[in-house]
Amino acid sequence: MTETTTPDYFFMPDVPIQPFQFPGLKTSHTLFIKREDLTHPVISGNKFWKLKYNLQAARESKKDTLVTFGGAMSNHIVATAAAGKENNFKTVGIIRGEELATKWEGNLSLQEASELGMTFYFVPREEYRLKERSEHIEKILDTIPNHYLIPEGGTNKLAVKGASEILTEKTSDFDLITTAVGTGGTLSGLSVGAKEHQHIMGFPALKNAEFLVKKILNLTDIENFTVILDYHFGGYAKITSELIDFINDFYRLNRIPLDPIYTGKMMFGLKEMIKNGEIDSDKKILAIHTGGLQGIREMNKQLKHKNRPIIIT
């Protein structure tokens, strides 16, 4: 991979690393959280880092349009739209689910992306699974001149390079780094950026996510990570009352909001593993907050419609 320099169109965030406690759990573990949710008002968390060098590559290759993939509540879709607007790119989202074509304006995440200038193509789910290998999607891409294609979730080698920069000298004293996992790019980047004594633990938001281990090893050959498969709560964007209660109790105790799709599940899993004695008490633990808070609005809208408790922020 050709080395690139730091983009001059992205500021370098310095976010706080702060201690936290788990509600209802007394422990001798040292617990801190790196607040990547505070990197940027919209391009927050891991999305900031995964887009960083992709934006530079698009600029250097003189592309004028960013094209990417995502679902109805995708943090990546909103972040790409915002990054495009800030850096003078047009943006296009290829969205999972053709049924959304007639009702996307009622979706708060897609509405925000549209307000930031993104245009959409809605494709059937079976075509979406194939991504650029789909003839249907290939025909769409052929109609978009001079575009730069960013994978789903932003995950590619450039995203790994950006995500590796989440870890700095300020994080070098920690033994265990934990993160939520979607497409595997952030975990891969943390694996690359970790010190020799550090171990990375990833909590997928997807059900049946065993395939991610092979994908991560294609992005990094450093086997300093573990993938924990038990805390997906039924799959992507699936939540339970237990998870909502945990997120709300965590917020009341620490005044740190957690999103229900990624970081909320990771933090719940970390608490359970500590409670069950699965993590040595002498470990100094750093949880990475990967942002995604914009998705809470749409999730709360759906919860209200079902007369269920909402997530407080």
C-alpha atoms as a PDB file:
ATOM      1  CA  MET A   1       0.000   0.000   0.000  1.00  0.00           C
ATOM      2  CA  THR A   2       1.350   3.417  -0.945  1.00  0.00           C
ATOM      3  CA  GLU A   3       2.065   5.573   2.082  1.00  0.00           C
ATOM      4  CA  THR A   4       0.100   8.791   2.337  1.00  0.00           C
ATOM      5  CA  THR A   5       0.541  11.861   4.476  1.00  0.00           C
ATOM      6  CA  THR A   6      -1.866  13.200   7.034  1.00  0.00           C
ATOM      7  CA  PRO A   7      -4.746  15.053   5.347  1.00  0.00           C
ATOM      8  CA  ASP A   8      -4.732  18.782   5.917  1.00  0.00           C
ATOM      9  CA  TYR A   9      -8.534  18.940   5.613  1.00  0.00           C
ATOM     10  CA  PHE A  10      -9.199  16.878   8.747  1.00  0.00           C
ATOM     11  CA  PHE A  11      -8.380  18.280  12.160  1.00  0.00           C
ATOM     12  CA  MET A  12      -6.706  15.900  14.629  1.00  0.00           C
ATOM     13  CA  PRO A  13      -9.023  15.285  17.593  1.00  0.00           C
ATOM     14  CA  ASP A  14      -7.794  14.913  21.161  1.00  0.00           C
ATOM     15  CA  VAL A  15     -10.646  13.242  23.006  1.00  0.00           C
ATOM     16  CA  PRO A  16     -10.804  12.527  26.735  1.00  0.00           C
ATOM     17  CA  ILE A  17      -9.971   9.194  28.320  1.00  0.00           C
ATOM     18  CA  GLN A  18     -12.109   9.017  31.429  1.00  0.00           C
ATOM     19  CA  PRO A  19     -12.820   6.521  34.190  1.00  0.00           C
ATOM     20  CA  PHE A  20     -16.227   4.881  34.435  1.00  0.00           C
ATOM     21  CA  GLN A  21     -18.133   2.419  36.577  1.00  0.00           C
ATOM     22  CA  PHE A  22     -20.575  -0.300  35.659  1.00  0.00           C
ATOM     23  CA  PRO A  23     -24.008   0.025  37.278  1.00  0.00           C
ATOM     24  CA  GLY A  24     -24.630  -2.649  39.883  1.00  0.00           C
ATOM     25  CA  LEU A  25     -21.102  -4.056  39.723  1.00  0.00           C
ATOM     26  CA  LYS A  26     -18.313  -3.618  42.263  1.00  0.00           C
ATOM     27  CA  THR A  27     -14.950  -4.543  40.799  1.00  0.00           C
ATOM     28  CA  SER A  28     -11.245  -3.967  41.340  1.00  0.00           C
ATOM     29  CA  HIS A  29     -10.669  -3.698  37.574  1.00  0.00           C
ATOM     30  CA  THR A  30      -9.267  -0.423  36.274  1.00  0.00           C
ATOM     31  CA  LEU A  31     -11.867   0.861  33.800  1.00  0.00           C
ATOM     32  CA  PHE A  32     -11.480   3.756  31.361  1.00  0.00           C
ATOM     33  CA  ILE A  33     -13.286   4.753  28.178  1.00  0.00           C
ATOM     34  CA  LYS A  34     -11.856   6.692  25.234  1.00  0.00           C
ATOM     35  CA  ARG A  35     -14.561   9.087  24.086  1.00  0.00           C
ATOM     36  CA  GLU A  36     -14.241   8.808  20.322  1.00  0.00           C
ATOM     37  CA  ASP A  37     -17.909   9.838  20.192  1.00  0.00           C
ATOM     38  CA  LEU A  38     -16.581  13.370  20.805  1.00  0.00           C
ATOM     39  CA  THR A  39     -14.285  13.551  17.747  1.00  0.00           C
ATOM     40  CA  HIS A  40     -16.796  15.490  15.662  1.00  0.00           C
ATOM     41  CA  PRO A  41     -20.484  16.471  15.924  1.00  0.00           C
ATOM     42  CA  VAL A  42     -21.422  14.145  13.024  1.00  0.00           C
ATOM     43  CA  ILE A  43     -18.304  12.328  11.733  1.00  0.00           C
ATOM     44  CA  SER A  44     -17.794  10.761  15.120  1.00  0.00           C
ATOM     45  CA  GLY A  45     -16.114   7.754  16.633  1.00  0.00           C
ATOM     46  CA  ASN A  46     -14.498   5.162  14.403  1.00  0.00           C
ATOM     47  CA  LYS A  47     -16.128   6.688  11.303  1.00  0.00           C
ATOM     48  CA  PHE A  48     -13.838   9.700  11.567  1.00  0.00           C
ATOM     49  CA  TRP A  49     -10.751   7.493  11.477  1.00  0.00           C
ATOM     50  CA  LYS A  50     -12.022   5.050   8.851  1.00  0.00           C
ATOM     51  CA  LEU A  51     -12.862   7.879   6.444  1.00  0.00           C
ATOM     52  CA  LYS A  52      -9.722   9.919   7.076  1.00  0.00           C
ATOM     53  CA  TYR A  53      -7.357   8.339   4.536  1.00  0.00           C
ATOM     54  CA  ASN A  54     -10.142   7.329   2.166  1.00  0.00           C
ATOM     55  CA  LEU A  55     -10.988  11.005   1.790  1.00  0.00           C
ATOM     56  CA  GLN A  56      -7.371  11.793   1.122  1.00  0.00           C
ATOM     57  CA  ALA A  57      -7.165   9.038  -1.510  1.00  0.00           C
ATOM     58  CA  ALA A  58     -10.316  10.339  -3.187  1.00  0.00           C
ATOM     59  CA  ARG A  59      -8.853  13.843  -3.267  1.00  0.00           C
ATOM     60  CA  GLU A  60      -5.489  12.694  -4.599  1.00  0.00           C
ATOM     61  CA  SER A  61      -7.130  10.622  -7.352  1.00  0.00           C
ATOM     62  CA  LYS A  62      -9.176  13.697  -8.296  1.00  0.00           C
ATOM     63  CA  LYS A  63     -12.545  12.042  -7.694  1.00  0.00           C
ATOM     64  CA  ASP A  64     -15.493  14.308  -6.991  1.00  0.00           C
ATOM     65  CA  THR A  65     -18.103  11.836  -5.698  1.00  0.00           C
ATOM     66  CA  LEU A  66     -18.017   9.425  -2.745  1.00  0.00           C
ATOM     67  CA  VAL A  67     -20.162   6.308  -3.140  1.00  0.00           C
ATOM     68  CA  THR A  68     -20.791   3.906  -0.269  1.00  0.00           C
ATOM     69  CA  PHE A  69     -23.202   1.349   1.207  1.00  0.00           C
ATOM     70  CA  GLY A  70     -25.372   1.210   4.310  1.00  0.00           C
ATOM     71  CA  GLY A  71     -28.641   0.350   5.974  1.00  0.00           C
ATOM     72  CA  ALA A  72     -31.496   2.478   7.252  1.00  0.00           C
ATOM     73  CA  MET A  73     -29.771   3.497  10.510  1.00  0.00           C
ATOM     74  CA  SER A  74     -26.187   3.447   9.258  1.00  0.00           C
ATOM     75  CA  ASN A  75     -23.777   5.696  11.128  1.00  0.00           C
ATOM     76  CA  HIS A  76     -21.411   5.285   8.187  1.00  0.00           C
ATOM     77  CA  ILE A  77     -23.946   6.681   5.710  1.00  0.00           C
ATOM     78  CA  VAL A  78     -24.508   9.811   7.810  1.00  0.00           C
ATOM     79  CA  ALA A  79     -20.790  10.262   8.495  1.00  0.00           C
ATOM     80  CA  THR A  80     -19.892   9.902   4.800  1.00  0.00           C
ATOM     81  CA  ALA A  81     -22.525  12.468   3.865  1.00  0.00           C
ATOM     82  CA  ALA A  82     -21.127  14.911   6.428  1.00  0.00           C
ATOM     83  CA  ALA A  83     -17.511  14.279   5.440  1.00  0.00           C
ATOM     84  CA  GLY A  84     -18.410  14.793   1.801  1.00  0.00           C
ATOM     85  CA  LYS A  85     -20.107  18.079   2.507  1.00  0.00           C
ATOM     86  CA  GLU A  86     -17.222  19.359   4.634  1.00  0.00           C
ATOM     87  CA  ASN A  87     -14.651  18.377   2.011  1.00  0.00           C
ATOM     88  CA  ASN A  88     -16.505  19.356  -1.176  1.00  0.00           C
ATOM     89  CA  PHE A  89     -17.423  15.895  -2.436  1.00  0.00           C
ATOM     90  CA  LYS A  90     -20.782  14.847  -3.782  1.00  0.00           C
ATOM     91  CA  THR A  91     -22.062  11.755  -1.972  1.00  0.00           C
ATOM     92  CA  VAL A  92     -24.186   8.776  -3.002  1.00  0.00           C
ATOM     93  CA  GLY A  93     -25.552   6.076  -0.704  1.00  0.00           C
ATOM     94  CA  ILE A  94     -26.540   2.625  -1.949  1.00  0.00           C
ATOM     95  CA  ILE A  95     -29.094   1.631   0.682  1.00  0.00           C
ATOM     96  CA  ARG A  96     -30.156  -1.862   1.735  1.00  0.00           C
ATOM     97  CA  GLY A  97     -33.884  -2.478   1.158  1.00  0.00           C
ATOM     98  CA  GLU A  98     -35.827  -1.307  -1.877  1.00  0.00           C
ATOM     99  CA  GLU A  99     -38.918  -0.970   0.340  1.00  0.00           C
ATOM    100  CA  LEU A 100     -37.329   2.195   1.771  1.00  0.00           C
ATOM    101  CA  ALA A 101     -37.569   3.992  -1.567  1.00  0.00           C
ATOM    102  CA  THR A 102     -41.069   5.280  -0.799  1.00  0.00           C
ATOM    103  CA  LYS A 103     -40.656   5.925   2.926  1.00  0.00           C
ATOM    104  CA  TRP A 104     -37.047   6.942   3.575  1.00  0.00           C
ATOM    105  CA  GLU A 105     -38.051  10.524   4.390  1.00  0.00           C
ATOM    106  CA  GLY A 106     -39.558   9.203   7.609  1.00  0.00           C
ATOM    107  CA  ASN A 107     -36.212   7.733   8.644  1.00  0.00           C
ATOM    108  CA  LEU A 108     -34.229  10.218  10.740  1.00  0.00           C
ATOM    109  CA  SER A 109     -30.790   8.872   9.772  1.00  0.00           C
ATOM    110  CA  LEU A 110     -31.461   8.919   6.026  1.00  0.00           C
ATOM    111  CA  GLN A 111     -33.181  12.280   6.383  1.00  0.00           C
ATOM    112  CA  GLU A 112     -30.028  13.704   7.975  1.00  0.00           C
ATOM    113  CA  ALA A 113     -27.812  12.220   5.260  1.00  0.00           C
ATOM    114  CA  SER A 114     -30.072  13.734   2.605  1.00  0.00           C
ATOM    115  CA  GLU A 115     -29.927  17.147   4.286  1.00  0.00           C
ATOM    116  CA  LEU A 116     -26.138  16.845   4.131  1.00  0.00           C
ATOM    117  CA  GLY A 117     -26.375  16.406   0.359  1.00  0.00           C
ATOM    118  CA  MET A 118     -26.381  12.639  -0.144  1.00  0.00           C
ATOM    119  CA  THR A 119     -28.510  11.058  -2.867  1.00  0.00           C
ATOM    120  CA  PHE A 120     -29.735   7.470  -2.586  1.00  0.00           C
ATOM    121  CA  TYR A 121     -30.225   4.300  -4.582  1.00  0.00           C
ATOM    122  CA  PHE A 122     -32.367   1.678  -2.835  1.00  0.00           C
ATOM    123  CA  VAL A 123     -31.564  -1.904  -3.795  1.00  0.00           C
ATOM    124  CA  PRO A 124     -33.066  -5.306  -2.928  1.00  0.00           C
ATOM    125  CA  ARG A 125     -31.440  -7.007   0.036  1.00  0.00           C
ATOM    126  CA  GLU A 126     -30.162  -9.939  -1.997  1.00  0.00           C
ATOM    127  CA  GLU A 127     -28.417  -7.534  -4.384  1.00  0.00           C
ATOM    128  CA  TYR A 128     -27.075  -5.496  -1.489  1.00  0.00           C
ATOM    129  CA  ARG A 129     -25.404  -8.572   0.013  1.00  0.00           C
ATOM    130  CA  LEU A 130     -23.349  -8.923  -3.186  1.00  0.00           C
ATOM    131  CA  LYS A 131     -22.265  -5.251  -3.140  1.00  0.00           C
ATOM    132  CA  GLU A 132     -20.181  -4.362  -6.209  1.00  0.00           C
ATOM    133  CA  ARG A 133     -20.357  -7.992  -7.418  1.00  0.00           C
ATOM    134  CA  SER A 134     -24.062  -7.432  -8.099  1.00  0.00           C
ATOM    135  CA  GLU A 135     -24.906  -6.688 -11.724  1.00  0.00           C
ATOM    136  CA  HIS A 136     -27.715  -4.442 -10.474  1.00  0.00           C
ATOM    137  CA  ILE A 137     -25.317  -2.391  -8.357  1.00  0.00           C
ATOM    138  CA  GLU A 138     -22.648  -2.457 -11.063  1.00  0.00           C
ATOM    139  CA  LYS A 139     -25.127  -0.775 -13.419  1.00  0.00           C
ATOM    140  CA  ILE A 140     -25.791   1.901 -10.785  1.00  0.00           C
ATOM    141  CA  LEU A 141     -22.060   2.528 -10.366  1.00  0.00           C
ATOM    142  CA  ASP A 142     -21.662   2.854 -14.135  1.00  0.00           C
ATOM    143  CA  THR A 143     -24.051   5.819 -14.044  1.00  0.00           C
ATOM    144  CA  ILE A 144     -21.989   7.734 -11.458  1.00  0.00           C
ATOM    145  CA  PRO A 145     -19.002   9.393 -13.149  1.00  0.00           C
ATOM    146  CA  ASN A 146     -15.677  10.020 -11.445  1.00  0.00           C
ATOM    147  CA  HIS A 147     -16.621   8.301  -8.194  1.00  0.00           C
ATOM    148  CA  TYR A 148     -14.554   6.898  -5.345  1.00  0.00           C
ATOM    149  CA  LEU A 149     -16.051   3.730  -3.867  1.00  0.00           C
ATOM    150  CA  ILE A 150     -15.919   3.266  -0.099  1.00  0.00           C
ATOM    151  CA  PRO A 151     -16.919  -0.201   1.182  1.00  0.00           C
ATOM    152  CA  GLU A 152     -19.740  -0.835   3.638  1.00  0.00           C
ATOM    153  CA  GLY A 153     -18.760   0.536   7.029  1.00  0.00           C
ATOM    154  CA  GLY A 154     -15.750   2.203   5.388  1.00  0.00           C
ATOM    155  CA  THR A 155     -13.642  -0.912   5.925  1.00  0.00           C
ATOM    156  CA  ASN A 156     -10.554  -1.289   3.731  1.00  0.00           C
ATOM    157  CA  LYS A 157      -6.785  -0.999   4.162  1.00  0.00           C
ATOM    158  CA  LEU A 158      -6.968   2.792   4.385  1.00  0.00           C
ATOM    159  CA  ALA A 159      -9.619   2.522   7.096  1.00  0.00           C
ATOM    160  CA  VAL A 160      -7.342   0.182   9.047  1.00  0.00           C
ATOM    161  CA  LYS A 161      -4.541   2.724   8.799  1.00  0.00           C
ATOM    162  CA  GLY A 162      -6.821   5.447  10.134  1.00  0.00           C
ATOM    163  CA  ALA A 163      -8.279   3.314  12.932  1.00  0.00           C
ATOM    164  CA  SER A 164      -4.783   2.356  14.088  1.00  0.00           C
ATOM    165  CA  GLU A 165      -4.362   6.003  15.110  1.00  0.00           C
ATOM    166  CA  ILE A 166      -7.099   5.679  17.756  1.00  0.00           C
ATOM    167  CA  LEU A 167      -4.366   4.233  19.951  1.00  0.00           C
ATOM    168  CA  THR A 168      -1.673   6.727  20.969  1.00  0.00           C
ATOM    169  CA  GLU A 169       0.994   7.153  23.610  1.00  0.00           C
ATOM    170  CA  LYS A 170      -1.812   8.148  25.988  1.00  0.00           C
ATOM    171  CA  THR A 171      -3.316   4.667  25.649  1.00  0.00           C
ATOM    172  CA  SER A 172      -0.058   2.715  25.931  1.00  0.00           C
ATOM    173  CA  ASP A 173      -0.455   1.843  29.632  1.00  0.00           C
ATOM    174  CA  PHE A 174      -3.629  -0.210  29.089  1.00  0.00           C
ATOM    175  CA  ASP A 175      -3.494  -4.001  28.898  1.00  0.00           C
ATOM    176  CA  LEU A 176      -6.856  -4.778  27.307  1.00  0.00           C
ATOM    177  CA  ILE A 177      -8.568  -2.677  24.609  1.00  0.00           C
ATOM    178  CA  THR A 178     -12.237  -3.410  23.877  1.00  0.00           C
ATOM    179  CA  THR A 179     -14.332  -2.320  20.921  1.00  0.00           C
ATOM    180  CA  ALA A 180     -17.601  -3.008  19.189  1.00  0.00           C
ATOM    181  CA  VAL A 181     -17.301  -4.762  15.814  1.00  0.00           C
ATOM    182  CA  GLY A 182     -19.368  -4.232  12.679  1.00  0.00           C
ATOM    183  CA  THR A 183     -17.375  -4.865   9.513  1.00  0.00           C
ATOM    184  CA  GLY A 184     -14.075  -5.456  11.324  1.00  0.00           C
ATOM    185  CA  GLY A 185     -12.129  -2.386  10.228  1.00  0.00           C
ATOM    186  CA  THR A 186     -11.824  -0.770  13.632  1.00  0.00           C
ATOM    187  CA  LEU A 187     -10.723  -3.973  15.355  1.00  0.00           C
ATOM    188  CA  SER A 188      -8.164  -4.496  12.585  1.00  0.00           C
ATOM    189  CA  GLY A 189      -6.844  -0.969  13.047  1.00  0.00           C
ATOM    190  CA  LEU A 190      -6.598  -1.359  16.810  1.00  0.00           C
ATOM    191  CA  SER A 191      -4.728  -4.619  16.251  1.00  0.00           C
ATOM    192  CA  VAL A 192      -2.210  -2.776  14.078  1.00  0.00           C
ATOM    193  CA  GLY A 193      -1.918   0.182  16.465  1.00  0.00           C
ATOM    194  CA  ALA A 194      -1.571  -1.846  19.673  1.00  0.00           C
ATOM    195  CA  LYS A 195       1.623  -2.166  21.698  1.00  0.00           C
ATOM    196  CA  GLU A 196       3.178  -5.614  22.113  1.00  0.00           C
ATOM    197  CA  HIS A 197       1.691  -6.095  25.585  1.00  0.00           C
ATOM    198  CA  GLN A 198      -1.843  -5.080  24.557  1.00  0.00           C
ATOM    199  CA  HIS A 199      -4.682  -7.419  23.602  1.00  0.00           C
ATOM    200  CA  ILE A 200      -7.769  -6.341  21.635  1.00  0.00           C
ATOM    201  CA  MET A 201     -11.201  -7.760  22.408  1.00  0.00           C
ATOM    202  CA  GLY A 202     -13.997  -7.217  19.883  1.00  0.00           C
ATOM    203  CA  PHE A 203     -17.745  -7.600  20.420  1.00  0.00           C
ATOM    204  CA  PRO A 204     -19.642  -8.037  17.123  1.00  0.00           C
ATOM    205  CA  ALA A 205     -23.064  -6.449  16.767  1.00  0.00           C
ATOM    206  CA  LEU A 206     -23.939  -9.169  14.242  1.00  0.00           C
ATOM    207  CA  LYS A 207     -25.327 -12.623  14.844  1.00  0.00           C
ATOM    208  CA  ASN A 208     -23.269 -15.574  13.551  1.00  0.00           C
ATOM    209  CA  ALA A 209     -20.209 -13.342  13.192  1.00  0.00           C
ATOM    210  CA  GLU A 210     -17.573 -16.089  13.154  1.00  0.00           C
ATOM    211  CA  PHE A 211     -16.692 -15.097   9.583  1.00  0.00           C
ATOM    212  CA  LEU A 212     -15.276 -11.806  10.866  1.00  0.00           C
ATOM    213  CA  VAL A 213     -12.149 -13.485  12.248  1.00  0.00           C
ATOM    214  CA  LYS A 214     -11.015 -14.460   8.747  1.00  0.00           C
ATOM    215  CA  LYS A 215     -11.928 -11.021   7.418  1.00  0.00           C
ATOM    216  CA  ILE A 216      -9.930  -9.293  10.154  1.00  0.00           C
ATOM    217  CA  LEU A 217      -6.924 -11.517   9.481  1.00  0.00           C
ATOM    218  CA  ASN A 218      -7.105 -10.414   5.830  1.00  0.00           C
ATOM    219  CA  LEU A 219      -6.718  -6.835   7.044  1.00  0.00           C
ATOM    220  CA  THR A 220      -4.077  -7.488   9.695  1.00  0.00           C
ATOM    221  CA  ASP A 221      -1.863 -10.524  10.208  1.00  0.00           C
ATOM    222  CA  ILE A 222      -1.277  -9.663  13.869  1.00  0.00           C
ATOM    223  CA  GLU A 223      -3.116 -12.216  15.998  1.00  0.00           C
ATOM    224  CA  ASN A 224      -3.431 -10.078  19.129  1.00  0.00           C
ATOM    225  CA  PHE A 225      -7.221 -10.046  19.278  1.00  0.00           C
ATOM    226  CA  THR A 226     -10.186 -12.095  20.435  1.00  0.00           C
ATOM    227  CA  VAL A 227     -13.725 -11.905  19.017  1.00  0.00           C
ATOM    228  CA  ILE A 228     -16.531 -12.420  21.566  1.00  0.00           C
ATOM    229  CA  LEU A 229     -19.691 -13.706  19.858  1.00  0.00           C
ATOM    230  CA  ASP A 230     -22.183 -13.764  22.745  1.00  0.00           C
ATOM    231  CA  TYR A 231     -23.529 -10.213  23.043  1.00  0.00           C
ATOM    232  CA  HIS A 232     -25.270  -9.365  19.757  1.00  0.00           C
ATOM    233  CA  PHE A 233     -28.781  -9.375  21.326  1.00  0.00           C
ATOM    234  CA  GLY A 234     -30.259 -11.143  18.323  1.00  0.00           C
ATOM    235  CA  GLY A 235     -28.363  -9.415  15.538  1.00  0.00           C
ATOM    236  CA  TYR A 236     -27.654  -6.068  13.940  1.00  0.00           C
ATOM    237  CA  ALA A 237     -29.959  -3.288  15.221  1.00  0.00           C
ATOM    238  CA  LYS A 238     -31.772  -5.812  17.444  1.00  0.00           C
ATOM    239  CA  ILE A 239     -32.177  -4.770  21.068  1.00  0.00           C
ATOM    240  CA  THR A 240     -33.941  -5.933  24.236  1.00  0.00           C
ATOM    241  CA  SER A 241     -35.370  -4.253  27.315  1.00  0.00           C
ATOM    242  CA  GLU A 242     -32.366  -5.559  29.260  1.00  0.00           C
ATOM    243  CA  LEU A 243     -29.997  -3.707  26.936  1.00  0.00           C
ATOM    244  CA  ILE A 244     -32.018  -0.481  27.101  1.00  0.00           C
ATOM    245  CA  ASP A 245     -32.073  -0.644  30.908  1.00  0.00           C
ATOM    246  CA  PHE A 246     -28.299  -1.161  30.975  1.00  0.00           C
ATOM    247  CA  ILE A 247     -27.631   1.779  28.623  1.00  0.00           C
ATOM    248  CA  ASN A 248     -29.876   4.060  30.670  1.00  0.00           C
ATOM    249  CA  ASP A 249     -28.390   2.964  34.005  1.00  0.00           C
ATOM    250  CA  PHE A 250     -24.889   3.469  32.595  1.00  0.00           C
ATOM    251  CA  TYR A 251     -25.818   6.983  31.479  1.00  0.00           C
ATOM    252  CA  ARG A 252     -27.316   7.890  34.859  1.00  0.00           C
ATOM    253  CA  LEU A 253     -24.178   6.717  36.647  1.00  0.00           C
ATOM    254  CA  ASN A 254     -21.478   8.045  34.304  1.00  0.00           C
ATOM    255  CA  ARG A 255     -23.230  10.685  32.154  1.00  0.00           C
ATOM    256  CA  ILE A 256     -21.824   8.919  29.084  1.00  0.00           C
ATOM    257  CA  PRO A 257     -24.352   8.070  26.342  1.00  0.00           C
ATOM    258  CA  LEU A 258     -24.037   4.692  24.608  1.00  0.00           C
ATOM    259  CA  ASP A 259     -25.571   3.761  21.293  1.00  0.00           C
ATOM    260  CA  PRO A 260     -27.729   0.595  21.273  1.00  0.00           C
ATOM    261  CA  ILE A 261     -26.311  -0.957  18.086  1.00  0.00           C
ATOM    262  CA  TYR A 262     -22.586  -1.041  18.830  1.00  0.00           C
ATOM    263  CA  THR A 263     -20.967   0.425  21.951  1.00  0.00           C
ATOM    264  CA  GLY A 264     -23.924  -0.337  24.212  1.00  0.00           C
ATOM    265  CA  LYS A 265     -23.672  -4.040  23.375  1.00  0.00           C
ATOM    266  CA  MET A 266     -19.895  -4.040  23.788  1.00  0.00           C
ATOM    267  CA  MET A 267     -20.110  -2.412  27.218  1.00  0.00           C
ATOM    268  CA  PHE A 268     -22.833  -4.829  28.326  1.00  0.00           C
ATOM    269  CA  GLY A 269     -20.645  -7.745  27.229  1.00  0.00           C
ATOM    270  CA  LEU A 270     -17.604  -6.341  29.017  1.00  0.00           C
ATOM    271  CA  LYS A 271     -19.596  -5.982  32.228  1.00  0.00           C
ATOM    272  CA  GLU A 272     -20.850  -9.563  32.010  1.00  0.00           C
ATOM    273  CA  MET A 273     -17.370 -10.946  31.379  1.00  0.00           C
ATOM    274  CA  ILE A 274     -15.980  -9.067  34.392  1.00  0.00           C
ATOM    275  CA  LYS A 275     -18.904 -10.222  36.545  1.00  0.00           C
ATOM    276  CA  ASN A 276     -18.340 -13.830  35.444  1.00  0.00           C
ATOM    277  CA  GLY A 277     -14.631 -13.708  36.263  1.00  0.00           C
ATOM    278  CA  GLU A 278     -13.547 -14.041  32.620  1.00  0.00           C
ATOM    279  CA  ILE A 279     -11.119 -11.093  32.765  1.00  0.00           C
ATOM    280  CA  ASP A 280      -8.264 -10.977  35.268  1.00  0.00           C
ATOM    281  CA  SER A 281      -8.741  -8.305  37.922  1.00  0.00           C
ATOM    282  CA  ASP A 282      -5.232  -6.908  37.456  1.00  0.00           C
ATOM    283  CA  LYS A 283      -5.984  -5.845  33.873  1.00  0.00           C
ATOM    284  CA  LYS A 284      -6.129  -2.160  33.045  1.00  0.00           C
ATOM    285  CA  ILE A 285      -8.997  -1.916  30.557  1.00  0.00           C
ATOM    286  CA  LEU A 286      -9.686   0.743  27.929  1.00  0.00           C
ATOM    287  CA  ALA A 287     -13.065   0.617  26.177  1.00  0.00           C
ATOM    288  CA  ILE A 288     -13.271   2.475  22.857  1.00  0.00           C
ATOM    289  CA  HIS A 289     -16.488   4.450  22.388  1.00  0.00           C
ATOM    290  CA  THR A 290     -17.023   4.190  18.630  1.00  0.00           C
ATOM    291  CA  GLY A 291     -19.700   6.890  18.420  1.00  0.00           C
ATOM    292  CA  GLY A 292     -22.889   6.149  16.518  1.00  0.00           C
ATOM    293  CA  LEU A 293     -25.073   8.263  18.781  1.00  0.00           C
ATOM    294  CA  GLN A 294     -27.041   9.643  15.826  1.00  0.00           C
ATOM    295  CA  GLY A 295     -28.781   6.272  15.559  1.00  0.00           C
ATOM    296  CA  ILE A 296     -30.450   6.731  18.954  1.00  0.00           C
ATOM    297  CA  ARG A 297     -33.036   9.120  17.503  1.00  0.00           C
ATOM    298  CA  GLU A 298     -34.354   6.636  14.965  1.00  0.00           C
ATOM    299  CA  MET A 299     -34.209   3.799  17.497  1.00  0.00           C
ATOM    300  CA  ASN A 300     -36.184   5.856  20.027  1.00  0.00           C
ATOM    301  CA  LYS A 301     -38.727   6.714  17.372  1.00  0.00           C
ATOM    302  CA  GLN A 302     -39.278   2.997  16.765  1.00  0.00           C
ATOM    303  CA  LEU A 303     -39.389   2.250  20.501  1.00  0.00           C
ATOM    304  CA  LYS A 304     -42.013   4.948  21.084  1.00  0.00           C
ATOM    305  CA  HIS A 305     -44.108   3.489  18.290  1.00  0.00           C
ATOM    306  CA  LYS A 306     -44.019   0.140  20.112  1.00  0.00           C
ATOM    307  CA  ASN A 307     -44.752   1.781  23.499  1.00  0.00           C
ATOM    308  CA  ARG A 308     -41.411   0.615  24.874  1.00  0.00           C
ATOM    309  CA  PRO A 309     -38.974   2.547  27.121  1.00  0.00           C
ATOM    310  CA  ILE A 310     -36.646   4.831  25.199  1.00  0.00           C
ATOM    311  CA  ILE A 311     -32.895   5.441  25.495  1.00  0.00           C
ATOM    312  CA  ILE A 312     -32.031   8.535  27.509  1.00  0.00           C
ATOM    313  CA  THR A 313     -29.261  10.898  26.440  1.00  0.00           C
END
